[in-house]
C-alpha atoms as a PDB file:
ATOM      1  CA  UNK A   1       4.149  28.544  64.793  1.00  0.00           C
ATOM      2  CA  UNK A   2       7.454  26.711  65.274  1.00  0.00           C
ATOM      3  CA  UNK A   3      10.008  28.219  67.680  1.00  0.00           C
ATOM      4  CA  UNK A   4      13.570  28.696  66.442  1.00  0.00           C
ATOM      5  CA  UNK A   5      15.346  27.952  69.719  1.00  0.00           C
ATOM      6  CA  UNK A   6      13.400  24.707  70.148  1.00  0.00           C
ATOM      7  CA  UNK A   7      15.261  23.305  67.136  1.00  0.00           C
ATOM      8  CA  UNK A   8      18.416  21.259  67.333  1.00  0.00           C
ATOM      9  CA  UNK A   9      20.807  21.956  64.471  1.00  0.00           C
ATOM     10  CA  UNK A  10      19.672  18.885  62.508  1.00  0.00           C
ATOM     11  CA  UNK A  11      16.001  19.694  63.116  1.00  0.00           C
ATOM     12  CA  UNK A  12      16.475  23.184  61.724  1.00  0.00           C
ATOM     13  CA  UNK A  13      18.292  21.813  58.671  1.00  0.00           C
ATOM     14  CA  UNK A  14      15.427  19.346  58.099  1.00  0.00           C
ATOM     15  CA  UNK A  15      12.839  22.122  58.510  1.00  0.00           C
ATOM     16  CA  UNK A  16      14.632  24.336  55.998  1.00  0.00           C
ATOM     17  CA  UNK A  17      14.798  21.470  53.508  1.00  0.00           C
ATOM     18  CA  UNK A  18      11.046  20.903  53.850  1.00  0.00           C
ATOM     19  CA  UNK A  19      10.612  24.612  53.137  1.00  0.00           C
ATOM     20  CA  UNK A  20      12.582  24.216  49.892  1.00  0.00           C
ATOM     21  CA  UNK A  21      15.737  25.870  51.275  1.00  0.00           C
ATOM     22  CA  UNK A  22      19.313  24.604  51.380  1.00  0.00           C
ATOM     23  CA  UNK A  23      20.384  22.748  54.526  1.00  0.00           C
ATOM     24  CA  UNK A  24      23.556  24.826  54.898  1.00  0.00           C
ATOM     25  CA  UNK A  25      21.364  27.797  55.848  1.00  0.00           C
ATOM     26  CA  UNK A  26      20.970  26.162  59.280  1.00  0.00           C
ATOM     27  CA  UNK A  27      24.650  26.827  60.031  1.00  0.00           C
ATOM     28  CA  UNK A  28      24.261  30.476  59.061  1.00  0.00           C
ATOM     29  CA  UNK A  29      21.163  30.908  61.230  1.00  0.00           C
ATOM     30  CA  UNK A  30      22.744  29.182  64.252  1.00  0.00           C
ATOM     31  CA  UNK A  31      25.814  31.372  63.842  1.00  0.00           C
ATOM     32  CA  UNK A  32      23.678  34.521  63.904  1.00  0.00           C
ATOM     33  CA  UNK A  33      21.654  33.380  66.907  1.00  0.00           C
ATOM     34  CA  UNK A  34      24.261  31.743  69.128  1.00  0.00           C
ATOM     35  CA  UNK A  35      27.483  33.516  68.084  1.00  0.00           C
ATOM     36  CA  UNK A  36      26.683  36.937  66.611  1.00  0.00           C
ATOM     37  CA  UNK A  37      23.759  37.816  68.871  1.00  0.00           C
ATOM     38  CA  UNK A  38      21.126  38.589  66.255  1.00  0.00           C
ATOM     39  CA  UNK A  39      17.906  39.807  67.820  1.00  0.00           C
ATOM     40  CA  UNK A  40      15.758  39.281  64.722  1.00  0.00           C
ATOM     41  CA  UNK A  41      15.831  37.588  61.334  1.00  0.00           C
ATOM     42  CA  UNK A  42      16.183  40.988  59.682  1.00  0.00           C
ATOM     43  CA  UNK A  43      19.695  41.280  61.131  1.00  0.00           C
ATOM     44  CA  UNK A  44      20.869  38.087  59.376  1.00  0.00           C
ATOM     45  CA  UNK A  45      22.543  39.914  56.512  1.00  0.00           C
ATOM     46  CA  UNK A  46      23.849  36.910  54.551  1.00  0.00           C
ATOM     47  CA  UNK A  47      20.319  35.526  54.134  1.00  0.00           C
ATOM     48  CA  UNK A  48      18.230  36.775  51.246  1.00  0.00           C
ATOM     49  CA  UNK A  49      15.363  39.189  51.925  1.00  0.00           C
ATOM     50  CA  UNK A  50      12.760  36.633  50.809  1.00  0.00           C
ATOM     51  CA  UNK A  51      14.189  33.947  53.114  1.00  0.00           C
ATOM     52  CA  UNK A  52      14.325  36.367  56.053  1.00  0.00           C
ATOM     53  CA  UNK A  53      10.666  37.138  55.478  1.00  0.00           C
ATOM     54  CA  UNK A  54       9.716  33.444  55.358  1.00  0.00           C
ATOM     55  CA  UNK A  55      11.627  32.771  58.533  1.00  0.00           C
ATOM     56  CA  UNK A  56       9.967  35.661  60.354  1.00  0.00           C
ATOM     57  CA  UNK A  57       6.538  34.470  59.210  1.00  0.00           C
ATOM     58  CA  UNK A  58       7.048  30.860  60.284  1.00  0.00           C
ATOM     59  CA  UNK A  59       9.476  30.816  63.203  1.00  0.00           C
ATOM     60  CA  UNK A  60       8.988  32.462  66.587  1.00  0.00           C
ATOM     61  CA  UNK A  61      12.141  34.360  67.627  1.00  0.00           C
ATOM     62  CA  UNK A  62      12.821  35.841  70.034  1.00  0.00           C
ATOM     63  CA  UNK A  63      10.130  34.653  72.443  1.00  0.00           C
ATOM     64  CA  UNK A  64      11.362  36.487  75.532  1.00  0.00           C
ATOM     65  CA  UNK A  65      11.235  40.207  76.164  1.00  0.00           C
ATOM     66  CA  UNK A  66      13.270  41.654  79.024  1.00  0.00           C
ATOM     67  CA  UNK A  67      10.958  43.597  81.325  1.00  0.00           C
ATOM     68  CA  UNK A  68      13.434  44.450  84.075  1.00  0.00           C
ATOM     69  CA  UNK A  69      16.600  43.523  85.902  1.00  0.00           C
ATOM     70  CA  UNK A  70      17.451  43.860  89.568  1.00  0.00           C
ATOM     71  CA  UNK A  71      21.029  43.727  90.827  1.00  0.00           C
ATOM     72  CA  UNK A  72      22.612  42.551  94.027  1.00  0.00           C
ATOM     73  CA  UNK A  73      26.292  42.169  94.883  1.00  0.00           C
ATOM     74  CA  UNK A  74      26.642  38.689  93.386  1.00  0.00           C
ATOM     75  CA  UNK A  75      23.353  38.162  91.558  1.00  0.00           C
ATOM     76  CA  UNK A  76      21.160  39.705  88.896  1.00  0.00           C
ATOM     77  CA  UNK A  77      17.493  38.799  88.608  1.00  0.00           C
ATOM     78  CA  UNK A  78      15.802  38.986  85.210  1.00  0.00           C
ATOM     79  CA  UNK A  79      12.087  39.335  84.636  1.00  0.00           C
ATOM     80  CA  UNK A  80      10.987  38.112  81.206  1.00  0.00           C
ATOM     81  CA  UNK A  81       7.674  38.554  79.427  1.00  0.00           C
ATOM     82  CA  UNK A  82       6.580  35.730  77.141  1.00  0.00           C
ATOM     83  CA  UNK A  83       4.594  36.160  73.948  1.00  0.00           C
ATOM     84  CA  UNK A  84       1.306  35.326  75.683  1.00  0.00           C
ATOM     85  CA  UNK A  85       1.929  37.962  78.364  1.00  0.00           C
ATOM     86  CA  UNK A  86       2.973  35.516  81.091  1.00  0.00           C
ATOM     87  CA  UNK A  87       6.139  36.293  83.038  1.00  0.00           C
ATOM     88  CA  UNK A  88       8.982  34.272  84.495  1.00  0.00           C
ATOM     89  CA  UNK A  89      12.181  35.041  86.358  1.00  0.00           C
ATOM     90  CA  UNK A  90      15.713  33.727  86.042  1.00  0.00           C
ATOM     91  CA  UNK A  91      18.858  34.563  87.994  1.00  0.00           C
ATOM     92  CA  UNK A  92      22.518  35.083  87.143  1.00  0.00           C
ATOM     93  CA  UNK A  93      24.819  34.086  89.997  1.00  0.00           C
ATOM     94  CA  UNK A  94      28.424  35.321  89.996  1.00  0.00           C
ATOM     95  CA  UNK A  95      31.063  33.431  91.988  1.00  0.00           C
ATOM     96  CA  UNK A  96      34.714  34.191  91.219  1.00  0.00           C
ATOM     97  CA  UNK A  97      35.047  33.298  87.498  1.00  0.00           C
ATOM     98  CA  UNK A  98      31.922  31.116  87.461  1.00  0.00           C
ATOM     99  CA  UNK A  99      28.736  32.451  85.870  1.00  0.00           C
ATOM    100  CA  UNK A 100      25.705  30.317  86.686  1.00  0.00           C
ATOM    101  CA  UNK A 101      22.197  30.860  85.364  1.00  0.00           C
ATOM    102  CA  UNK A 102      19.225  29.593  87.360  1.00  0.00           C
ATOM    103  CA  UNK A 103      16.563  28.700  84.788  1.00  0.00           C
ATOM    104  CA  UNK A 104      12.791  28.545  85.154  1.00  0.00           C
ATOM    105  CA  UNK A 105      10.972  25.663  83.478  1.00  0.00           C
ATOM    106  CA  UNK A 106       7.359  26.641  84.206  1.00  0.00           C
ATOM    107  CA  UNK A 107       5.207  29.689  84.880  1.00  0.00           C
ATOM    108  CA  UNK A 108       4.370  29.098  88.524  1.00  0.00           C
ATOM    109  CA  UNK A 109       4.878  25.653  90.055  1.00  0.00           C
ATOM    110  CA  UNK A 110       2.679  22.637  90.889  1.00  0.00           C
ATOM    111  CA  UNK A 111       4.715  21.532  93.939  1.00  0.00           C
ATOM    112  CA  UNK A 112       3.491  24.335  96.249  1.00  0.00           C
ATOM    113  CA  UNK A 113       6.336  23.895  98.751  1.00  0.00           C
ATOM    114  CA  UNK A 114       5.419  25.623 102.005  1.00  0.00           C
ATOM    115  CA  UNK A 115       8.512  27.844 102.016  1.00  0.00           C
ATOM    116  CA  UNK A 116       8.614  28.787  98.323  1.00  0.00           C
ATOM    117  CA  UNK A 117       7.162  31.808  96.519  1.00  0.00           C
ATOM    118  CA  UNK A 118       7.084  30.157  93.073  1.00  0.00           C
ATOM    119  CA  UNK A 119       4.164  27.862  93.824  1.00  0.00           C
ATOM    120  CA  UNK A 120       1.935  30.239  95.778  1.00  0.00           C
ATOM    121  CA  UNK A 121      -0.298  30.746  92.724  1.00  0.00           C
ATOM    122  CA  UNK A 122       0.031  27.156  91.498  1.00  0.00           C
ATOM    123  CA  UNK A 123       0.990  26.139  87.973  1.00  0.00           C
ATOM    124  CA  UNK A 124      -0.030  28.367  85.057  1.00  0.00           C
ATOM    125  CA  UNK A 125       1.745  26.541  82.225  1.00  0.00           C
ATOM    126  CA  UNK A 126       4.967  24.855  81.241  1.00  0.00           C
ATOM    127  CA  UNK A 127       7.611  26.620  79.168  1.00  0.00           C
ATOM    128  CA  UNK A 128       8.659  25.422  75.738  1.00  0.00           C
ATOM    129  CA  UNK A 129      12.232  24.313  75.120  1.00  0.00           C
ATOM    130  CA  UNK A 130      12.839  27.610  73.300  1.00  0.00           C
ATOM    131  CA  UNK A 131      11.590  29.676  76.250  1.00  0.00           C
ATOM    132  CA  UNK A 132      14.055  27.842  78.498  1.00  0.00           C
ATOM    133  CA  UNK A 133      16.953  28.079  76.019  1.00  0.00           C
ATOM    134  CA  UNK A 134      16.414  31.803  75.458  1.00  0.00           C
ATOM    135  CA  UNK A 135      16.847  32.552  79.178  1.00  0.00           C
ATOM    136  CA  UNK A 136      20.410  31.214  79.002  1.00  0.00           C
ATOM    137  CA  UNK A 137      21.039  32.640  75.532  1.00  0.00           C
ATOM    138  CA  UNK A 138      19.994  36.209  76.317  1.00  0.00           C
ATOM    139  CA  UNK A 139      21.924  36.312  79.599  1.00  0.00           C
ATOM    140  CA  UNK A 140      24.986  34.891  77.832  1.00  0.00           C
ATOM    141  CA  UNK A 141      24.776  37.737  75.285  1.00  0.00           C
ATOM    142  CA  UNK A 142      24.829  40.308  78.060  1.00  0.00           C
ATOM    143  CA  UNK A 143      27.839  38.625  79.648  1.00  0.00           C
ATOM    144  CA  UNK A 144      29.747  38.549  76.356  1.00  0.00           C
ATOM    145  CA  UNK A 145      29.756  42.342  76.379  1.00  0.00           C
ATOM    146  CA  UNK A 146      31.993  42.038  79.477  1.00  0.00           C
ATOM    147  CA  UNK A 147      34.126  39.252  78.046  1.00  0.00           C
ATOM    148  CA  UNK A 148      32.317  36.623  80.141  1.00  0.00           C
ATOM    149  CA  UNK A 149      30.038  33.686  79.369  1.00  0.00           C
ATOM    150  CA  UNK A 150      27.513  31.385  81.000  1.00  0.00           C
ATOM    151  CA  UNK A 151      29.359  28.254  82.147  1.00  0.00           C
ATOM    152  CA  UNK A 152      26.901  26.560  84.535  1.00  0.00           C
ATOM    153  CA  UNK A 153      23.146  25.994  84.423  1.00  0.00           C
ATOM    154  CA  UNK A 154      20.817  25.006  87.246  1.00  0.00           C
ATOM    155  CA  UNK A 155      17.192  24.097  86.590  1.00  0.00           C
ATOM    156  CA  UNK A 156      16.148  25.448  89.976  1.00  0.00           C
ATOM    157  CA  UNK A 157      14.045  28.474  89.075  1.00  0.00           C
ATOM    158  CA  UNK A 158      10.277  28.569  88.867  1.00  0.00           C
ATOM    159  CA  UNK A 159       8.630  25.212  88.227  1.00  0.00           C
ATOM    160  CA  UNK A 160       9.251  21.482  88.659  1.00  0.00           C
ATOM    161  CA  UNK A 161      11.593  20.522  85.779  1.00  0.00           C
ATOM    162  CA  UNK A 162      10.550  16.864  85.618  1.00  0.00           C
ATOM    163  CA  UNK A 163       6.898  17.879  85.242  1.00  0.00           C
ATOM    164  CA  UNK A 164       8.037  19.556  81.995  1.00  0.00           C
ATOM    165  CA  UNK A 165      10.278  16.662  81.053  1.00  0.00           C
ATOM    166  CA  UNK A 166      10.412  16.819  77.254  1.00  0.00           C
ATOM    167  CA  UNK A 167      11.075  20.564  77.045  1.00  0.00           C
ATOM    168  CA  UNK A 168      13.727  20.455  79.785  1.00  0.00           C
ATOM    169  CA  UNK A 169      15.489  17.500  78.152  1.00  0.00           C
ATOM    170  CA  UNK A 170      15.410  19.233  74.773  1.00  0.00           C
ATOM    171  CA  UNK A 171      16.863  22.427  76.255  1.00  0.00           C
ATOM    172  CA  UNK A 172      19.699  20.437  77.865  1.00  0.00           C
ATOM    173  CA  UNK A 173      20.630  18.863  74.536  1.00  0.00           C
ATOM    174  CA  UNK A 174      20.434  22.194  72.684  1.00  0.00           C
ATOM    175  CA  UNK A 175      22.492  24.171  75.209  1.00  0.00           C
ATOM    176  CA  UNK A 176      25.091  21.398  75.331  1.00  0.00           C
ATOM    177  CA  UNK A 177      25.580  21.450  71.539  1.00  0.00           C
ATOM    178  CA  UNK A 178      28.927  22.834  70.337  1.00  0.00           C
ATOM    179  CA  UNK A 179      27.034  24.955  67.784  1.00  0.00           C
ATOM    180  CA  UNK A 180      25.115  26.770  70.558  1.00  0.00           C
ATOM    181  CA  UNK A 181      26.432  27.732  74.022  1.00  0.00           C
ATOM    182  CA  UNK A 182      28.312  24.412  74.337  1.00  0.00           C
ATOM    183  CA  UNK A 183      27.797  24.132  78.102  1.00  0.00           C
ATOM    184  CA  UNK A 184      29.061  20.857  79.527  1.00  0.00           C
ATOM    185  CA  UNK A 185      26.349  18.540  80.845  1.00  0.00           C
ATOM    186  CA  UNK A 186      28.500  18.041  83.939  1.00  0.00           C
ATOM    187  CA  UNK A 187      27.959  21.732  84.607  1.00  0.00           C
ATOM    188  CA  UNK A 188      24.178  21.385  84.429  1.00  0.00           C
ATOM    189  CA  UNK A 189      22.028  20.520  87.436  1.00  0.00           C
ATOM    190  CA  UNK A 190      18.371  19.493  87.448  1.00  0.00           C
ATOM    191  CA  UNK A 191      16.408  19.861  90.678  1.00  0.00           C
ATOM    192  CA  UNK A 192      13.239  17.902  91.468  1.00  0.00           C
ATOM    193  CA  UNK A 193      10.840  17.429  94.384  1.00  0.00           C
ATOM    194  CA  UNK A 194      10.787  13.737  93.462  1.00  0.00           C
ATOM    195  CA  UNK A 195       8.958  12.764  90.265  1.00  0.00           C
ATOM    196  CA  UNK A 196       9.804   9.053  90.390  1.00  0.00           C
ATOM    197  CA  UNK A 197       9.064   8.175  86.760  1.00  0.00           C
ATOM    198  CA  UNK A 198      10.911  11.287  85.605  1.00  0.00           C
ATOM    199  CA  UNK A 199      14.003  10.439  87.656  1.00  0.00           C
ATOM    200  CA  UNK A 200      14.115   6.889  86.289  1.00  0.00           C
ATOM    201  CA  UNK A 201      13.494   8.081  82.742  1.00  0.00           C
ATOM    202  CA  UNK A 202      16.266  10.669  83.022  1.00  0.00           C
ATOM    203  CA  UNK A 203      18.660   7.931  84.149  1.00  0.00           C
ATOM    204  CA  UNK A 204      18.232   6.258  80.753  1.00  0.00           C
ATOM    205  CA  UNK A 205      18.924   9.335  78.603  1.00  0.00           C
ATOM    206  CA  UNK A 206      22.713   8.880  78.394  1.00  0.00           C
ATOM    207  CA  UNK A 207      23.302  12.249  80.047  1.00  0.00           C
ATOM    208  CA  UNK A 208      25.840  13.333  82.640  1.00  0.00           C
ATOM    209  CA  UNK A 209      23.815  16.105  84.292  1.00  0.00           C
ATOM    210  CA  UNK A 210      23.707  16.406  88.081  1.00  0.00           C
ATOM    211  CA  UNK A 211      20.455  15.558  89.842  1.00  0.00           C
ATOM    212  CA  UNK A 212      19.302  17.215  93.060  1.00  0.00           C
ATOM    213  CA  UNK A 213      16.370  16.153  95.205  1.00  0.00           C
ATOM    214  CA  UNK A 214      14.510  18.779  97.214  1.00  0.00           C
ATOM    215  CA  UNK A 215      14.164  16.610 100.320  1.00  0.00           C
ATOM    216  CA  UNK A 216      13.462  19.091 103.156  1.00  0.00           C
ATOM    217  CA  UNK A 217      12.294  16.457 105.665  1.00  0.00           C
ATOM    218  CA  UNK A 218      13.605  13.166 107.092  1.00  0.00           C
ATOM    219  CA  UNK A 219      10.293  11.295 106.850  1.00  0.00           C
ATOM    220  CA  UNK A 220       7.199  11.094 104.666  1.00  0.00           C
ATOM    221  CA  UNK A 221       4.804  12.473 107.284  1.00  0.00           C
ATOM    222  CA  UNK A 222       6.668  15.761 107.738  1.00  0.00           C
ATOM    223  CA  UNK A 223       7.594  15.968 104.058  1.00  0.00           C
ATOM    224  CA  UNK A 224       3.918  15.927 103.019  1.00  0.00           C
ATOM    225  CA  UNK A 225       3.326  18.963 105.214  1.00  0.00           C
ATOM    226  CA  UNK A 226       6.251  20.891 103.728  1.00  0.00           C
ATOM    227  CA  UNK A 227       5.760  19.690 100.120  1.00  0.00           C
ATOM    228  CA  UNK A 228       2.092  18.898  99.360  1.00  0.00           C
ATOM    229  CA  UNK A 229       3.185  17.369  96.026  1.00  0.00           C
ATOM    230  CA  UNK A 230       5.010  14.691  98.043  1.00  0.00           C
ATOM    231  CA  UNK A 231       1.701  12.927  98.673  1.00  0.00           C
ATOM    232  CA  UNK A 232       1.978  11.465  95.155  1.00  0.00           C
ATOM    233  CA  UNK A 233       5.211   9.583  95.841  1.00  0.00           C
ATOM    234  CA  UNK A 234       6.331   7.647  98.960  1.00  0.00           C
ATOM    235  CA  UNK A 235       9.737   8.795 100.159  1.00  0.00           C
ATOM    236  CA  UNK A 236      11.238   5.310  99.911  1.00  0.00           C
ATOM    237  CA  UNK A 237      10.293   5.144  96.213  1.00  0.00           C
ATOM    238  CA  UNK A 238      11.888   8.533  95.562  1.00  0.00           C
ATOM    239  CA  UNK A 239      15.129   7.582  97.320  1.00  0.00           C
ATOM    240  CA  UNK A 240      15.242   4.292  95.400  1.00  0.00           C
ATOM    241  CA  UNK A 241      14.860   6.231  92.141  1.00  0.00           C
ATOM    242  CA  UNK A 242      17.651   8.604  93.161  1.00  0.00           C
ATOM    243  CA  UNK A 243      19.910   5.631  93.958  1.00  0.00           C
ATOM    244  CA  UNK A 244      19.083   4.207  90.537  1.00  0.00           C
ATOM    245  CA  UNK A 245      20.036   7.490  88.866  1.00  0.00           C
ATOM    246  CA  UNK A 246      23.372   7.525  90.659  1.00  0.00           C
ATOM    247  CA  UNK A 247      24.099   3.907  89.713  1.00  0.00           C
ATOM    248  CA  UNK A 248      23.155   4.377  86.061  1.00  0.00           C
ATOM    249  CA  UNK A 249      24.992   7.674  85.514  1.00  0.00           C
ATOM    250  CA  UNK A 250      27.889   7.461  87.951  1.00  0.00           C
ATOM    251  CA  UNK A 251      26.969  10.904  89.271  1.00  0.00           C
ATOM    252  CA  UNK A 252      26.850  11.700  92.978  1.00  0.00           C
ATOM    253  CA  UNK A 253      23.475  12.673  94.392  1.00  0.00           C
ATOM    254  CA  UNK A 254      22.694  15.872  96.283  1.00  0.00           C
ATOM    255  CA  UNK A 255      19.809  16.255  98.712  1.00  0.00           C
ATOM    256  CA  UNK A 256      18.719  19.817  99.385  1.00  0.00           C
ATOM    257  CA  UNK A 257      17.310  20.491 102.820  1.00  0.00           C
ATOM    258  CA  UNK A 258      15.733  23.853 103.596  1.00  0.00           C
ATOM    259  CA  UNK A 259      15.925  24.450 107.327  1.00  0.00           C
ATOM    260  CA  UNK A 260      12.731  25.896 108.807  1.00  0.00           C
ATOM    261  CA  UNK A 261      12.898  27.088 112.397  1.00  0.00           C
ATOM    262  CA  UNK A 262      11.268  24.675 114.861  1.00  0.00           C
ATOM    263  CA  UNK A 263       9.775  22.621 112.016  1.00  0.00           C
ATOM    264  CA  UNK A 264      12.538  20.436 110.555  1.00  0.00           C
ATOM    265  CA  UNK A 265      15.743  21.779 112.122  1.00  0.00           C
ATOM    266  CA  UNK A 266      15.911  19.926 115.444  1.00  0.00           C
ATOM    267  CA  UNK A 267      18.440  17.395 116.710  1.00  0.00           C
ATOM    268  CA  UNK A 268      15.881  14.627 116.252  1.00  0.00           C
ATOM    269  CA  UNK A 269      15.420  15.623 112.611  1.00  0.00           C
ATOM    270  CA  UNK A 270      19.168  15.587 111.969  1.00  0.00           C
ATOM    271  CA  UNK A 271      19.523  12.126 113.526  1.00  0.00           C
ATOM    272  CA  UNK A 272      16.582  10.793 111.527  1.00  0.00           C
ATOM    273  CA  UNK A 273      17.976  12.289 108.311  1.00  0.00           C
ATOM    274  CA  UNK A 274      21.380  10.716 108.979  1.00  0.00           C
ATOM    275  CA  UNK A 275      19.735   7.325 109.471  1.00  0.00           C
ATOM    276  CA  UNK A 276      17.681   7.759 106.300  1.00  0.00           C
ATOM    277  CA  UNK A 277      20.763   8.470 104.171  1.00  0.00           C
ATOM    278  CA  UNK A 278      23.192   6.097 105.882  1.00  0.00           C
ATOM    279  CA  UNK A 279      25.471   4.345 103.398  1.00  0.00           C
ATOM    280  CA  UNK A 280      24.445   6.495 100.413  1.00  0.00           C
ATOM    281  CA  UNK A 281      27.007   8.253  98.202  1.00  0.00           C
ATOM    282  CA  UNK A 282      25.518  11.700  98.568  1.00  0.00           C
ATOM    283  CA  UNK A 283      25.799  15.241  99.861  1.00  0.00           C
ATOM    284  CA  UNK A 284      23.216  17.119 101.919  1.00  0.00           C
ATOM    285  CA  UNK A 285      23.070  20.801 101.021  1.00  0.00           C
ATOM    286  CA  UNK A 286      21.644  22.748 103.953  1.00  0.00           C
ATOM    287  CA  UNK A 287      19.732  25.913 103.038  1.00  0.00           C
ATOM    288  CA  UNK A 288      18.564  28.196 105.848  1.00  0.00           C
ATOM    289  CA  UNK A 289      15.083  29.448 104.916  1.00  0.00           C
ATOM    290  CA  UNK A 290      14.974  32.601 102.798  1.00  0.00           C
ATOM    291  CA  UNK A 291      12.020  34.788 103.900  1.00  0.00           C
ATOM    292  CA  UNK A 292       9.041  35.058 101.554  1.00  0.00           C
ATOM    293  CA  UNK A 293       6.448  37.788 102.028  1.00  0.00           C
ATOM    294  CA  UNK A 294       3.184  36.436 103.382  1.00  0.00           C
ATOM    295  CA  UNK A 295       4.614  33.186 104.779  1.00  0.00           C
ATOM    296  CA  UNK A 296       4.740  32.688 108.553  1.00  0.00           C
ATOM    297  CA  UNK A 297       8.024  30.830 108.603  1.00  0.00           C
ATOM    298  CA  UNK A 298      11.348  31.722 110.170  1.00  0.00           C
ATOM    299  CA  UNK A 299      15.011  31.090 109.459  1.00  0.00           C
ATOM    300  CA  UNK A 300      16.797  29.083 112.181  1.00  0.00           C
ATOM    301  CA  UNK A 301      19.436  30.719 114.323  1.00  0.00           C
ATOM    302  CA  UNK A 302      22.984  30.127 113.122  1.00  0.00           C
ATOM    303  CA  UNK A 303      23.701  27.890 116.116  1.00  0.00           C
ATOM    304  CA  UNK A 304      20.905  25.482 115.119  1.00  0.00           C
ATOM    305  CA  UNK A 305      22.235  25.249 111.559  1.00  0.00           C
ATOM    306  CA  UNK A 306      25.741  24.534 112.861  1.00  0.00           C
ATOM    307  CA  UNK A 307      24.418  21.879 115.244  1.00  0.00           C
ATOM    308  CA  UNK A 308      22.363  20.230 112.501  1.00  0.00           C
ATOM    309  CA  UNK A 309      25.369  20.038 110.205  1.00  0.00           C
ATOM    310  CA  UNK A 310      27.646  18.685 112.954  1.00  0.00           C
ATOM    311  CA  UNK A 311      25.206  15.875 113.715  1.00  0.00           C
ATOM    312  CA  UNK A 312      25.076  14.830 110.052  1.00  0.00           C
ATOM    313  CA  UNK A 313      28.849  14.866 109.712  1.00  0.00           C
ATOM    314  CA  UNK A 314      29.313  12.949 112.961  1.00  0.00           C
ATOM    315  CA  UNK A 315      27.191  10.198 111.417  1.00  0.00           C
ATOM    316  CA  UNK A 316      29.265  10.108 108.229  1.00  0.00           C
ATOM    317  CA  UNK A 317      26.934  12.218 106.064  1.00  0.00           C
ATOM    318  CA  UNK A 318      28.705  14.888 103.991  1.00  0.00           C
ATOM    319  CA  UNK A 319      26.924  18.203 104.512  1.00  0.00           C
ATOM    320  CA  UNK A 320      27.422  21.627 102.961  1.00  0.00           C
ATOM    321  CA  UNK A 321      25.880  24.935 103.988  1.00  0.00           C
ATOM    322  CA  UNK A 322      24.730  27.059 101.085  1.00  0.00           C
ATOM    323  CA  UNK A 323      25.842  30.661 101.269  1.00  0.00           C
ATOM    324  CA  UNK A 324      22.779  32.806 100.624  1.00  0.00           C
ATOM    325  CA  UNK A 325      23.043  35.052  97.582  1.00  0.00           C
ATOM    326  CA  UNK A 326      20.468  37.482  96.236  1.00  0.00           C
ATOM    327  CA  UNK A 327      18.065  37.433  99.173  1.00  0.00           C
ATOM    328  CA  UNK A 328      18.101  41.243  99.246  1.00  0.00           C
ATOM    329  CA  UNK A 329      16.443  41.265  95.794  1.00  0.00           C
ATOM    330  CA  UNK A 330      14.264  38.157  96.368  1.00  0.00           C
ATOM    331  CA  UNK A 331      16.488  36.121  94.050  1.00  0.00           C
ATOM    332  CA  UNK A 332      17.622  33.476  96.539  1.00  0.00           C
ATOM    333  CA  UNK A 333      16.424  29.881  96.767  1.00  0.00           C
ATOM    334  CA  UNK A 334      12.629  29.773  97.123  1.00  0.00           C
ATOM    335  CA  UNK A 335      12.100  33.480  96.457  1.00  0.00           C
ATOM    336  CA  UNK A 336      11.361  33.557  92.714  1.00  0.00           C
ATOM    337  CA  UNK A 337       7.719  34.423  92.267  1.00  0.00           C
ATOM    338  CA  UNK A 338       5.042  34.744  89.611  1.00  0.00           C
ATOM    339  CA  UNK A 339       5.046  38.440  88.718  1.00  0.00           C
ATOM    340  CA  UNK A 340       2.069  40.307  87.319  1.00  0.00           C
ATOM    341  CA  UNK A 341       2.044  43.795  85.855  1.00  0.00           C
ATOM    342  CA  UNK A 342       0.591  45.249  89.061  1.00  0.00           C
ATOM    343  CA  UNK A 343       3.468  43.759  91.096  1.00  0.00           C
ATOM    344  CA  UNK A 344       6.361  45.371  89.278  1.00  0.00           C
ATOM    345  CA  UNK A 345       6.755  48.506  91.356  1.00  0.00           C
ATOM    346  CA  UNK A 346       9.880  47.145  93.095  1.00  0.00           C
ATOM    347  CA  UNK A 347      11.721  46.543  89.836  1.00  0.00           C
ATOM    348  CA  UNK A 348      14.001  49.049  88.189  1.00  0.00           C
ATOM    349  CA  UNK A 349      13.407  48.843  84.458  1.00  0.00           C
ATOM    350  CA  UNK A 350      16.670  49.563  82.617  1.00  0.00           C
ATOM    351  CA  UNK A 351      16.669  52.470  80.215  1.00  0.00           C
END
């Protein structure tokens, strides 16, 4: 079965034409889905009963069912159930007038980063473009009830986005369309652990999305211990691909660095990282480790984070320190996890 939210506007018009329908119906359907908030084809009142029935029989919509939400001061975590019973999480982050949605691109994750909950069970499957789009769409609908809207997207939830390249790219193009949520590509960020061919391919897509590398170590030896997936790609090849992306797109590059106490947070690590990135137009985003149940890792003391940042800046490397949001509901960086029915006791299901 085709999935409605995997269609671009032109693709839906073409599909309708093949079904013997008028192309203008695509505009009506998009209006119901992306503007009026229809939750089913039956609600699309200006479509004939027969057409609504054909659409329901041939197009999957909606694909996501909200299982639960969990609120913190500045974040809300959403647990979605997919049609095959799998579950994924996404997060709404509130910051002044900015509303950012952290999207998942896979059920589970193949990278298995040592500090991250998402990959503990490995990869189950990739999401379709529609399953990614609907995360943003359904959260945007909830925000509209408060007179707000989704304005930023980060592909930093469960999964490695560039290992689900086609679906992620399709979702970017759909969500950027003026007939959908019309979110600027410059307000979209894709995060990767370093899929070299994916980075280089993305550079040729004529996009203006931001690209972030999950670096987490200043050398290949340590990086392979923190990110097992890193064994596939030498660090120098990844950095060369990131440089290529920056040159081709004109976008600055961000390197995310999760600080793990007594593992990668020492003075020697900061000096080595500064040498590695010397002369690059980039920013290092420092992220003190967010605790994950079952992992024997610790967050560095504040003084070590400050010292690490000062060393980078003294060497001419721009460094930011991410303010942790949502860690009290396991919605912070690295805390999104594969949820099964037996694990839902900590969630408050809305009535």
